[in-house]
Protein backbone atom coordinates (compact mmCIF):
# COMPACT_ATOMS: atom_id res chain seq x y z
CA MET A 1 -127.00 231.24 171.50
CA ASN A 2 -123.84 231.96 170.80
CA VAL A 3 -120.83 230.16 169.68
CA THR A 4 -117.29 231.24 170.09
CA VAL A 5 -114.57 230.07 167.34
CA SER A 6 -111.57 230.42 167.57
CA ARG A 7 -107.82 230.09 165.93
CA LYS A 8 -104.32 230.37 167.22
CA GLY A 9 -101.40 232.46 164.74
CA HIS A 10 -98.27 232.17 165.71
CA PHE A 11 -95.45 234.72 164.78
CA ASN A 12 -91.49 235.44 165.71
CA ALA A 13 -90.80 238.87 165.70
CA ALA A 14 -88.23 241.24 167.36
CA HIS A 15 -89.54 244.80 169.24
CA ARG A 16 -88.23 247.44 170.94
CA LEU A 17 -89.79 249.12 173.74
CA HIS A 18 -88.44 252.93 173.67
CA ASN A 19 -90.16 256.47 174.02
CA VAL A 20 -88.52 258.87 171.49
CA ASN A 21 -89.05 261.34 173.99
CA TRP A 22 -87.01 260.05 176.99
CA SER A 23 -83.37 260.12 177.89
CA LYS A 24 -81.53 256.78 177.63
CA GLU A 25 -82.01 256.48 181.42
CA GLN A 26 -85.43 257.29 181.42
CA ASN A 27 -86.35 254.27 178.78
CA GLU A 28 -83.96 251.77 180.67
CA ILE A 29 -85.62 252.59 183.92
CA THR A 30 -89.44 252.41 182.81
CA PHE A 31 -88.34 249.13 180.18
CA GLY A 32 -85.33 247.41 181.05
CA LYS A 33 -83.83 245.12 179.08
CA CYS A 34 -86.87 245.31 176.92
CA SER A 35 -85.13 248.92 175.66
CA ASN A 36 -82.19 247.54 174.54
CA PRO A 37 -81.39 249.20 171.35
CA TYR A 38 -80.36 246.20 168.75
CA TYR A 39 -83.81 244.99 169.81
CA HIS A 40 -85.19 241.27 171.35
CA GLY A 41 -88.07 239.03 170.48
CA HIS A 42 -90.28 236.94 171.26
CA ASN A 43 -92.12 233.50 169.59
CA TYR A 44 -96.10 235.32 169.88
CA GLU A 45 -98.80 233.48 170.08
CA VAL A 46 -102.56 234.97 169.22
CA ILE A 47 -105.58 233.65 169.20
CA VAL A 48 -108.33 235.18 167.10
CA ALA A 49 -112.25 234.59 169.05
CA VAL A 50 -115.14 235.16 167.07
CA LYS A 51 -118.51 234.90 169.11
CA GLY A 52 -121.99 235.00 167.08
CA PRO A 53 -124.62 232.97 166.53
CA ILE A 54 -124.34 229.99 164.27
CA ASN A 55 -125.78 230.71 160.58
CA PRO A 56 -129.12 227.98 160.22
CA MET A 57 -127.83 227.96 156.20
CA THR A 58 -123.99 227.09 156.77
CA GLY A 59 -123.85 225.80 160.58
CA TYR A 60 -120.64 228.16 161.44
CA THR A 61 -120.61 231.48 163.54
CA VAL A 62 -117.49 232.10 161.19
CA ASP A 63 -115.54 229.82 158.55
CA MET A 64 -112.61 228.31 160.16
CA LYS A 65 -110.83 228.65 156.44
CA LEU A 66 -112.05 231.98 156.25
CA LEU A 67 -110.20 232.52 159.47
CA LYS A 68 -107.35 230.48 158.76
CA GLU A 69 -106.64 233.03 156.03
CA ILE A 70 -107.88 236.09 157.56
CA ILE A 71 -104.93 235.66 160.15
CA LYS A 72 -102.22 234.32 157.62
CA GLN A 73 -102.82 237.96 156.30
CA GLU A 74 -103.41 240.68 158.40
CA VAL A 75 -100.89 238.75 161.20
CA GLU A 76 -98.37 235.98 160.32
CA GLU A 77 -97.37 237.63 156.97
CA PRO A 78 -96.49 241.08 158.01
CA PHE A 79 -95.37 240.50 161.43
CA ASP A 80 -93.62 237.09 161.20
CA HIS A 81 -89.53 237.45 161.15
CA LYS A 82 -89.85 240.96 161.54
CA ASN A 83 -88.48 243.92 163.36
CA LEU A 84 -92.06 245.56 164.69
CA ASN A 85 -90.68 248.78 165.47
CA GLU A 86 -88.68 248.94 161.88
CA GLN A 87 -91.18 246.69 159.25
CA VAL A 88 -94.31 247.10 160.59
CA GLU A 89 -95.98 250.58 159.39
CA GLU A 90 -98.19 250.87 162.29
CA PHE A 91 -94.85 250.54 164.88
CA LYS A 92 -93.29 253.34 163.01
CA ASN A 93 -94.51 256.12 165.40
CA LEU A 94 -96.13 253.52 167.92
CA ASN A 95 -94.12 251.70 170.99
CA PRO A 96 -94.82 248.16 170.09
CA THR A 97 -95.75 247.11 173.49
CA ALA A 98 -97.85 243.48 174.01
CA GLU A 99 -100.77 246.29 174.33
CA ASN A 100 -100.29 247.75 171.60
CA ILE A 101 -99.47 245.04 169.04
CA CYS A 102 -102.54 243.21 170.55
CA VAL A 103 -104.71 246.35 169.43
CA VAL A 104 -103.65 246.88 166.26
CA ILE A 105 -103.92 242.98 165.26
CA TYR A 106 -107.61 243.84 166.61
CA ASN A 107 -108.09 246.63 164.37
CA ARG A 108 -106.49 244.74 161.50
CA ILE A 109 -108.87 241.32 161.65
CA ARG A 110 -112.06 243.87 162.89
CA ALA A 111 -112.12 245.30 159.62
CA ARG A 112 -112.29 241.67 158.27
CA ILE A 113 -114.76 240.00 159.96
CA GLU A 114 -118.77 241.17 159.98
CA SER A 115 -119.93 243.28 161.91
CA SER A 116 -122.21 241.74 163.51
CA LEU A 117 -119.92 239.21 165.35
CA LYS A 118 -118.15 239.91 168.01
CA LEU A 119 -114.36 239.74 168.28
CA LYS A 120 -111.95 239.41 170.76
CA ILE A 121 -107.85 239.46 170.62
CA THR A 122 -105.38 237.32 173.04
CA LEU A 123 -101.67 237.94 172.40
CA TYR A 124 -98.97 235.86 174.38
CA GLU A 125 -96.10 237.47 174.51
CA THR A 126 -94.57 234.34 176.50
CA PRO A 127 -96.46 231.64 177.63
CA ARG A 128 -96.99 233.77 181.53
CA ASN A 129 -97.15 237.20 179.57
CA PHE A 130 -100.93 237.96 177.34
CA VAL A 131 -102.95 240.58 176.64
CA GLU A 132 -106.38 241.07 175.75
CA CYS A 133 -108.56 243.10 173.45
CA GLU A 134 -112.11 242.70 172.60
CA ASP A 135 -115.30 244.41 171.37
CA GLU A 136 -116.60 246.42 174.02
């Protein structure tokens, strides 16, 4: 039997959706207000879900203290109160859409979670807009 253990994190960040190869008009048509050259921000919520068997020695699927620390180090510290386009290396050449932010978070956390465990990231950009990224 597998169990899913989830932990929620939070960060505030600014970004601009923009394709440098497009004109100002094309960016505005595609991204609307999100292409504002002065950026805009969100209060992001991230849910990290780890799925796997319960370890009979510990009773854990994953230690919640470890999961809390991984989220802090891999998401909250590098992203919170940052301009994603300007201050987060992964977005220097990657449009920081919700989808891309979710994949970047997934990759950062996947590297820290035991490979035998399944990982799913849910990123809320707003209370009604969210994306998910998970193991195949």
